[in-house]
Amino acid sequence: MREACSIGDRTSPLRRCSRRSTSSCRRGTECESVLDDLVGRLERYAISLETLVEERTADYLEQKRKAEDLLYQLLPK
């Protein structure tokens, strides 16, 4: 972990990996596939966030309905 995260180390595995991907991108061989992969990941992440928001919104509305029902039971008419 320390080896991958060391900022000052120019030979860390993370830097070697990024250096390889940028050098292949400069040659134009895999640049499109790297960008396609990145766009695909972002799309999947956006979809998962939308799903999470929908689930949490549904949970919130259910809890709100329960709280309002309880409140209306407690308040005199």
PDB file of N, CA and C in Angstrom:
ATOM      1  N   MET A   1       0.823  -1.185   0.000  1.00  0.00           N
ATOM      2  CA  MET A   1       0.000   0.000   0.000  1.00  0.00           C
ATOM      3  C   MET A   1       0.868   1.249   0.000  1.00  0.00           C
ATOM      4  N   ARG A   2       1.865   1.269   0.860  1.00  0.00           N
ATOM      5  CA  ARG A   2       2.747   2.434   0.912  1.00  0.00           C
ATOM      6  C   ARG A   2       3.490   2.606  -0.403  1.00  0.00           C
ATOM      7  N   GLU A   3       3.856   1.477  -1.018  1.00  0.00           N
ATOM      8  CA  GLU A   3       4.584   1.548  -2.276  1.00  0.00           C
ATOM      9  C   GLU A   3       3.726   2.200  -3.365  1.00  0.00           C
ATOM     10  N   ALA A   4       2.457   1.870  -3.389  1.00  0.00           N
ATOM     11  CA  ALA A   4       1.578   2.427  -4.416  1.00  0.00           C
ATOM     12  C   ALA A   4       1.219   3.871  -4.146  1.00  0.00           C
ATOM     13  N   CYS A   5       1.210   4.266  -2.894  1.00  0.00           N
ATOM     14  CA  CYS A   5       0.755   5.603  -2.538  1.00  0.00           C
ATOM     15  C   CYS A   5       1.882   6.607  -2.342  1.00  0.00           C
ATOM     16  N   SER A   6       3.115   6.174  -2.425  1.00  0.00           N
ATOM     17  CA  SER A   6       4.201   7.120  -2.177  1.00  0.00           C
ATOM     18  C   SER A   6       4.256   8.132  -3.314  1.00  0.00           C
ATOM     19  N   ILE A   7       4.047   9.387  -2.971  1.00  0.00           N
ATOM     20  CA  ILE A   7       3.947  10.448  -3.967  1.00  0.00           C
ATOM     21  C   ILE A   7       5.314  10.792  -4.547  1.00  0.00           C
ATOM     22  N   GLY A   8       6.339  10.824  -3.702  1.00  0.00           N
ATOM     23  CA  GLY A   8       7.653  11.225  -4.159  1.00  0.00           C
ATOM     24  C   GLY A   8       8.364  10.173  -4.986  1.00  0.00           C
ATOM     25  N   ASP A   9       7.939   8.952  -4.922  1.00  0.00           N
ATOM     26  CA  ASP A   9       8.613   7.857  -5.618  1.00  0.00           C
ATOM     27  C   ASP A   9       8.189   7.828  -7.086  1.00  0.00           C
ATOM     28  N   ARG A  10       9.131   8.064  -7.983  1.00  0.00           N
ATOM     29  CA  ARG A  10       8.812   8.083  -9.418  1.00  0.00           C
ATOM     30  C   ARG A  10       8.681   6.683 -10.004  1.00  0.00           C
ATOM     31  N   THR A  11       9.039   5.674  -9.240  1.00  0.00           N
ATOM     32  CA  THR A  11       8.963   4.304  -9.756  1.00  0.00           C
ATOM     33  C   THR A  11       7.853   3.509  -9.092  1.00  0.00           C
ATOM     34  N   SER A  12       6.902   4.174  -8.469  1.00  0.00           N
ATOM     35  CA  SER A  12       5.818   3.439  -7.819  1.00  0.00           C
ATOM     36  C   SER A  12       4.989   2.714  -8.882  1.00  0.00           C
ATOM     37  N   PRO A  13       4.350   1.612  -8.524  1.00  0.00           N
ATOM     38  CA  PRO A  13       3.547   0.845  -9.491  1.00  0.00           C
ATOM     39  C   PRO A  13       2.447   1.679 -10.126  1.00  0.00           C
ATOM     40  N   LEU A  14       1.862   2.585  -9.358  1.00  0.00           N
ATOM     41  CA  LEU A  14       0.795   3.424  -9.877  1.00  0.00           C
ATOM     42  C   LEU A  14       1.314   4.334 -10.982  1.00  0.00           C
ATOM     43  N   ARG A  15       2.472   4.917 -10.759  1.00  0.00           N
ATOM     44  CA  ARG A  15       3.056   5.803 -11.769  1.00  0.00           C
ATOM     45  C   ARG A  15       3.486   5.019 -13.008  1.00  0.00           C
ATOM     46  N   ARG A  16       4.038   3.820 -12.810  1.00  0.00           N
ATOM     47  CA  ARG A  16       4.442   3.018 -13.968  1.00  0.00           C
ATOM     48  C   ARG A  16       3.226   2.677 -14.821  1.00  0.00           C
ATOM     49  N   CYS A  17       2.136   2.321 -14.159  1.00  0.00           N
ATOM     50  CA  CYS A  17       0.913   1.961 -14.873  1.00  0.00           C
ATOM     51  C   CYS A  17       0.367   3.163 -15.636  1.00  0.00           C
ATOM     52  N   SER A  18       0.311   4.325 -14.988  1.00  0.00           N
ATOM     53  CA  SER A  18      -0.218   5.506 -15.664  1.00  0.00           C
ATOM     54  C   SER A  18       0.704   5.932 -16.792  1.00  0.00           C
ATOM     55  N   ARG A  19       2.002   5.763 -16.604  1.00  0.00           N
ATOM     56  CA  ARG A  19       2.952   6.128 -17.650  1.00  0.00           C
ATOM     57  C   ARG A  19       2.753   5.232 -18.871  1.00  0.00           C
ATOM     58  N   ARG A  20       2.516   3.927 -18.627  1.00  0.00           N
ATOM     59  CA  ARG A  20       2.284   3.010 -19.742  1.00  0.00           C
ATOM     60  C   ARG A  20       1.012   3.363 -20.493  1.00  0.00           C
ATOM     61  N   SER A  21      -0.056   3.679 -19.760  1.00  0.00           N
ATOM     62  CA  SER A  21      -1.320   3.966 -20.434  1.00  0.00           C
ATOM     63  C   SER A  21      -1.252   5.265 -21.216  1.00  0.00           C
ATOM     64  N   THR A  22      -0.537   6.272 -20.702  1.00  0.00           N
ATOM     65  CA  THR A  22      -0.432   7.518 -21.453  1.00  0.00           C
ATOM     66  C   THR A  22       0.491   7.367 -22.643  1.00  0.00           C
ATOM     67  N   SER A  23       1.533   6.559 -22.529  1.00  0.00           N
ATOM     68  CA  SER A  23       2.425   6.380 -23.676  1.00  0.00           C
ATOM     69  C   SER A  23       1.723   5.621 -24.792  1.00  0.00           C
ATOM     70  N   SER A  24       0.906   4.628 -24.456  1.00  0.00           N
ATOM     71  CA  SER A  24       0.168   3.925 -25.503  1.00  0.00           C
ATOM     72  C   SER A  24      -0.894   4.828 -26.100  1.00  0.00           C
ATOM     73  N   CYS A  25      -1.399   5.741 -25.310  1.00  0.00           N
ATOM     74  CA  CYS A  25      -2.388   6.685 -25.809  1.00  0.00           C
ATOM     75  C   CYS A  25      -1.730   7.658 -26.789  1.00  0.00           C
ATOM     76  N   ARG A  26      -0.498   8.007 -26.538  1.00  0.00           N
ATOM     77  CA  ARG A  26       0.214   8.901 -27.451  1.00  0.00           C
ATOM     78  C   ARG A  26       0.418   8.243 -28.810  1.00  0.00           C
ATOM     79  N   ARG A  27       0.651   6.969 -28.805  1.00  0.00           N
ATOM     80  CA  ARG A  27       0.832   6.263 -30.074  1.00  0.00           C
ATOM     81  C   ARG A  27      -0.498   6.078 -30.798  1.00  0.00           C
ATOM     82  N   GLY A  28      -1.604   6.213 -30.086  1.00  0.00           N
ATOM     83  CA  GLY A  28      -2.916   6.092 -30.706  1.00  0.00           C
ATOM     84  C   GLY A  28      -3.434   4.679 -30.806  1.00  0.00           C
ATOM     85  N   THR A  29      -2.742   3.710 -30.233  1.00  0.00           N
ATOM     86  CA  THR A  29      -3.160   2.316 -30.385  1.00  0.00           C
ATOM     87  C   THR A  29      -4.344   1.975 -29.501  1.00  0.00           C
ATOM     88  N   GLU A  30      -4.280   2.372 -28.239  1.00  0.00           N
ATOM     89  CA  GLU A  30      -5.324   1.962 -27.302  1.00  0.00           C
ATOM     90  C   GLU A  30      -6.063   3.145 -26.700  1.00  0.00           C
ATOM     91  N   CYS A  31      -5.834   4.326 -27.228  1.00  0.00           N
ATOM     92  CA  CYS A  31      -6.423   5.524 -26.632  1.00  0.00           C
ATOM     93  C   CYS A  31      -7.949   5.464 -26.663  1.00  0.00           C
ATOM     94  N   GLU A  32      -8.501   5.044 -27.792  1.00  0.00           N
ATOM     95  CA  GLU A  32      -9.953   4.981 -27.897  1.00  0.00           C
ATOM     96  C   GLU A  32     -10.527   3.949 -26.941  1.00  0.00           C
ATOM     97  N   SER A  33      -9.874   2.812 -26.808  1.00  0.00           N
ATOM     98  CA  SER A  33     -10.406   1.788 -25.917  1.00  0.00           C
ATOM     99  C   SER A  33     -10.323   2.239 -24.462  1.00  0.00           C
ATOM    100  N   VAL A  34      -9.287   2.990 -24.111  1.00  0.00           N
ATOM    101  CA  VAL A  34      -9.178   3.512 -22.751  1.00  0.00           C
ATOM    102  C   VAL A  34     -10.298   4.506 -22.494  1.00  0.00           C
ATOM    103  N   LEU A  35     -10.537   5.391 -23.469  1.00  0.00           N
ATOM    104  CA  LEU A  35     -11.610   6.372 -23.314  1.00  0.00           C
ATOM    105  C   LEU A  35     -12.977   5.696 -23.302  1.00  0.00           C
ATOM    106  N   ASP A  36     -13.165   4.694 -24.150  1.00  0.00           N
ATOM    107  CA  ASP A  36     -14.430   3.956 -24.158  1.00  0.00           C
ATOM    108  C   ASP A  36     -14.666   3.269 -22.821  1.00  0.00           C
ATOM    109  N   ASP A  37     -13.610   2.697 -22.273  1.00  0.00           N
ATOM    110  CA  ASP A  37     -13.708   2.048 -20.967  1.00  0.00           C
ATOM    111  C   ASP A  37     -14.076   3.060 -19.892  1.00  0.00           C
ATOM    112  N   LEU A  38     -13.454   4.228 -19.938  1.00  0.00           N
ATOM    113  CA  LEU A  38     -13.739   5.268 -18.953  1.00  0.00           C
ATOM    114  C   LEU A  38     -15.180   5.755 -19.072  1.00  0.00           C
ATOM    115  N   VAL A  39     -15.633   5.978 -20.289  1.00  0.00           N
ATOM    116  CA  VAL A  39     -17.015   6.415 -20.505  1.00  0.00           C
ATOM    117  C   VAL A  39     -17.986   5.336 -20.031  1.00  0.00           C
ATOM    118  N   GLY A  40     -17.685   4.088 -20.310  1.00  0.00           N
ATOM    119  CA  GLY A  40     -18.542   2.992 -19.853  1.00  0.00           C
ATOM    120  C   GLY A  40     -18.625   2.925 -18.343  1.00  0.00           C
ATOM    121  N   ARG A  41     -17.484   3.103 -17.695  1.00  0.00           N
ATOM    122  CA  ARG A  41     -17.483   3.099 -16.227  1.00  0.00           C
ATOM    123  C   ARG A  41     -18.316   4.249 -15.678  1.00  0.00           C
ATOM    124  N   LEU A  42     -18.164   5.433 -16.285  1.00  0.00           N
ATOM    125  CA  LEU A  42     -18.941   6.590 -15.828  1.00  0.00           C
ATOM    126  C   LEU A  42     -20.435   6.369 -16.031  1.00  0.00           C
ATOM    127  N   GLU A  43     -20.811   5.759 -17.145  1.00  0.00           N
ATOM    128  CA  GLU A  43     -22.225   5.478 -17.390  1.00  0.00           C
ATOM    129  C   GLU A  43     -22.774   4.492 -16.369  1.00  0.00           C
ATOM    130  N   ARG A  44     -22.010   3.434 -16.085  1.00  0.00           N
ATOM    131  CA  ARG A  44     -22.462   2.456 -15.080  1.00  0.00           C
ATOM    132  C   ARG A  44     -22.576   3.111 -13.709  1.00  0.00           C
ATOM    133  N   TYR A  45     -21.634   3.979 -13.378  1.00  0.00           N
ATOM    134  CA  TYR A  45     -21.669   4.669 -12.089  1.00  0.00           C
ATOM    135  C   TYR A  45     -22.886   5.592 -12.013  1.00  0.00           C
ATOM    136  N   ALA A  46     -23.187   6.291 -13.101  1.00  0.00           N
ATOM    137  CA  ALA A  46     -24.354   7.174 -13.124  1.00  0.00           C
ATOM    138  C   ALA A  46     -25.641   6.378 -12.943  1.00  0.00           C
ATOM    139  N   ILE A  47     -25.725   5.231 -13.588  1.00  0.00           N
ATOM    140  CA  ILE A  47     -26.918   4.390 -13.458  1.00  0.00           C
ATOM    141  C   ILE A  47     -27.060   3.884 -12.027  1.00  0.00           C
ATOM    142  N   SER A  48     -25.940   3.475 -11.421  1.00  0.00           N
ATOM    143  CA  SER A  48     -26.020   2.982 -10.041  1.00  0.00           C
ATOM    144  C   SER A  48     -26.403   4.106  -9.087  1.00  0.00           C
ATOM    145  N   LEU A  49     -25.927   5.325  -9.351  1.00  0.00           N
ATOM    146  CA  LEU A  49     -26.322   6.453  -8.506  1.00  0.00           C
ATOM    147  C   LEU A  49     -27.807   6.764  -8.664  1.00  0.00           C
ATOM    148  N   GLU A  50     -28.313   6.711  -9.891  1.00  0.00           N
ATOM    149  CA  GLU A  50     -29.736   6.951 -10.113  1.00  0.00           C
ATOM    150  C   GLU A  50     -30.577   5.917  -9.376  1.00  0.00           C
ATOM    151  N   THR A  51     -30.171   4.669  -9.421  1.00  0.00           N
ATOM    152  CA  THR A  51     -30.887   3.608  -8.720  1.00  0.00           C
ATOM    153  C   THR A  51     -30.865   3.848  -7.219  1.00  0.00           C
ATOM    154  N   LEU A  52     -29.714   4.230  -6.699  1.00  0.00           N
ATOM    155  CA  LEU A  52     -29.582   4.501  -5.273  1.00  0.00           C
ATOM    156  C   LEU A  52     -30.471   5.667  -4.854  1.00  0.00           C
ATOM    157  N   VAL A  53     -30.522   6.717  -5.665  1.00  0.00           N
ATOM    158  CA  VAL A  53     -31.374   7.871  -5.359  1.00  0.00           C
ATOM    159  C   VAL A  53     -32.839   7.462  -5.363  1.00  0.00           C
ATOM    160  N   GLU A  54     -33.236   6.650  -6.330  1.00  0.00           N
ATOM    161  CA  GLU A  54     -34.625   6.186  -6.383  1.00  0.00           C
ATOM    162  C   GLU A  54     -34.980   5.374  -5.146  1.00  0.00           C
ATOM    163  N   GLU A  55     -34.093   4.476  -4.731  1.00  0.00           N
ATOM    164  CA  GLU A  55     -34.352   3.653  -3.547  1.00  0.00           C
ATOM    165  C   GLU A  55     -34.458   4.513  -2.297  1.00  0.00           C
ATOM    166  N   ARG A  56     -33.539   5.437  -2.134  1.00  0.00           N
ATOM    167  CA  ARG A  56     -33.552   6.278  -0.935  1.00  0.00           C
ATOM    168  C   ARG A  56     -34.734   7.231  -0.936  1.00  0.00           C
ATOM    169  N   THR A  57     -35.142   7.700  -2.109  1.00  0.00           N
ATOM    170  CA  THR A  57     -36.318   8.559  -2.189  1.00  0.00           C
ATOM    171  C   THR A  57     -37.564   7.777  -1.798  1.00  0.00           C
ATOM    172  N   ALA A  58     -37.667   6.546  -2.264  1.00  0.00           N
ATOM    173  CA  ALA A  58     -38.813   5.709  -1.904  1.00  0.00           C
ATOM    174  C   ALA A  58     -38.825   5.445  -0.399  1.00  0.00           C
ATOM    175  N   ASP A  59     -37.658   5.164   0.188  1.00  0.00           N
ATOM    176  CA  ASP A  59     -37.576   4.954   1.640  1.00  0.00           C
ATOM    177  C   ASP A  59     -37.982   6.214   2.394  1.00  0.00           C
ATOM    178  N   TYR A  60     -37.515   7.368   1.922  1.00  0.00           N
ATOM    179  CA  TYR A  60     -37.852   8.638   2.566  1.00  0.00           C
ATOM    180  C   TYR A  60     -39.357   8.886   2.517  1.00  0.00           C
ATOM    181  N   LEU A  61     -39.965   8.678   1.352  1.00  0.00           N
ATOM    182  CA  LEU A  61     -41.400   8.922   1.231  1.00  0.00           C
ATOM    183  C   LEU A  61     -42.205   7.978   2.118  1.00  0.00           C
ATOM    184  N   GLU A  62     -41.762   6.735   2.246  1.00  0.00           N
ATOM    185  CA  GLU A  62     -42.436   5.777   3.124  1.00  0.00           C
ATOM    186  C   GLU A  62     -42.337   6.222   4.580  1.00  0.00           C
ATOM    187  N   GLN A  63     -41.152   6.627   5.004  1.00  0.00           N
ATOM    188  CA  GLN A  63     -40.973   7.089   6.384  1.00  0.00           C
ATOM    189  C   GLN A  63     -41.760   8.371   6.639  1.00  0.00           C
ATOM    190  N   LYS A  64     -41.819   9.245   5.651  1.00  0.00           N
ATOM    191  CA  LYS A  64     -42.592  10.485   5.789  1.00  0.00           C
ATOM    192  C   LYS A  64     -44.073  10.168   5.955  1.00  0.00           C
ATOM    193  N   ARG A  65     -44.570   9.210   5.148  1.00  0.00           N
ATOM    194  CA  ARG A  65     -45.978   8.825   5.253  1.00  0.00           C
ATOM    195  C   ARG A  65     -46.284   8.247   6.627  1.00  0.00           C
ATOM    196  N   LYS A  66     -45.372   7.406   7.144  1.00  0.00           N
ATOM    197  CA  LYS A  66     -45.568   6.824   8.472  1.00  0.00           C
ATOM    198  C   LYS A  66     -45.566   7.898   9.550  1.00  0.00           C
ATOM    199  N   ALA A  67     -44.665   8.859   9.439  1.00  0.00           N
ATOM    200  CA  ALA A  67     -44.591   9.932  10.434  1.00  0.00           C
ATOM    201  C   ALA A  67     -45.846  10.794  10.391  1.00  0.00           C
ATOM    202  N   GLU A  68     -46.338  11.085   9.193  1.00  0.00           N
ATOM    203  CA  GLU A  68     -47.555  11.883   9.075  1.00  0.00           C
ATOM    204  C   GLU A  68     -48.760  11.127   9.618  1.00  0.00           C
ATOM    205  N   ASP A  69     -48.845   9.827   9.353  1.00  0.00           N
ATOM    206  CA  ASP A  69     -49.938   9.020   9.902  1.00  0.00           C
ATOM    207  C   ASP A  69     -49.926   9.052  11.425  1.00  0.00           C
ATOM    208  N   LEU A  70     -48.747   8.905  12.008  1.00  0.00           N
ATOM    209  CA  LEU A  70     -48.621   8.950  13.460  1.00  0.00           C
ATOM    210  C   LEU A  70     -48.999  10.323  13.993  1.00  0.00           C
ATOM    211  N   LEU A  71     -48.553  11.366  13.316  1.00  0.00           N
ATOM    212  CA  LEU A  71     -48.867  12.726  13.743  1.00  0.00           C
ATOM    213  C   LEU A  71     -50.369  12.973  13.704  1.00  0.00           C
ATOM    214  N   TYR A  72     -51.038  12.534  12.641  1.00  0.00           N
ATOM    215  CA  TYR A  72     -52.478  12.743  12.534  1.00  0.00           C
ATOM    216  C   TYR A  72     -53.250  11.916  13.562  1.00  0.00           C
ATOM    217  N   GLN A  73     -52.683  10.803  14.013  1.00  0.00           N
ATOM    218  CA  GLN A  73     -53.318  10.022  15.073  1.00  0.00           C
ATOM    219  C   GLN A  73     -53.201  10.741  16.414  1.00  0.00           C
ATOM    220  N   LEU A  74     -52.098  11.452  16.623  1.00  0.00           N
ATOM    221  CA  LEU A  74     -51.866  12.124  17.900  1.00  0.00           C
ATOM    222  C   LEU A  74     -52.600  13.451  18.008  1.00  0.00           C
ATOM    223  N   LEU A  75     -52.766  14.152  16.898  1.00  0.00           N
ATOM    224  CA  LEU A  75     -53.412  15.462  16.941  1.00  0.00           C
ATOM    225  C   LEU A  75     -54.920  15.310  17.120  1.00  0.00           C
ATOM    226  N   PRO A  76     -55.506  16.169  17.940  1.00  0.00           N
ATOM    227  CA  PRO A  76     -56.972  16.117  18.087  1.00  0.00           C
ATOM    228  C   PRO A  76     -57.639  16.687  16.839  1.00  0.00           C
ATOM    229  N   LYS A  77     -58.824  16.180  16.587  1.00  0.00           N
ATOM    230  CA  LYS A  77     -59.556  16.652  15.402  1.00  0.00           C
ATOM    231  C   LYS A  77     -60.482  17.777  15.726  1.00  0.00           C
TER     232      LYS A  77
END
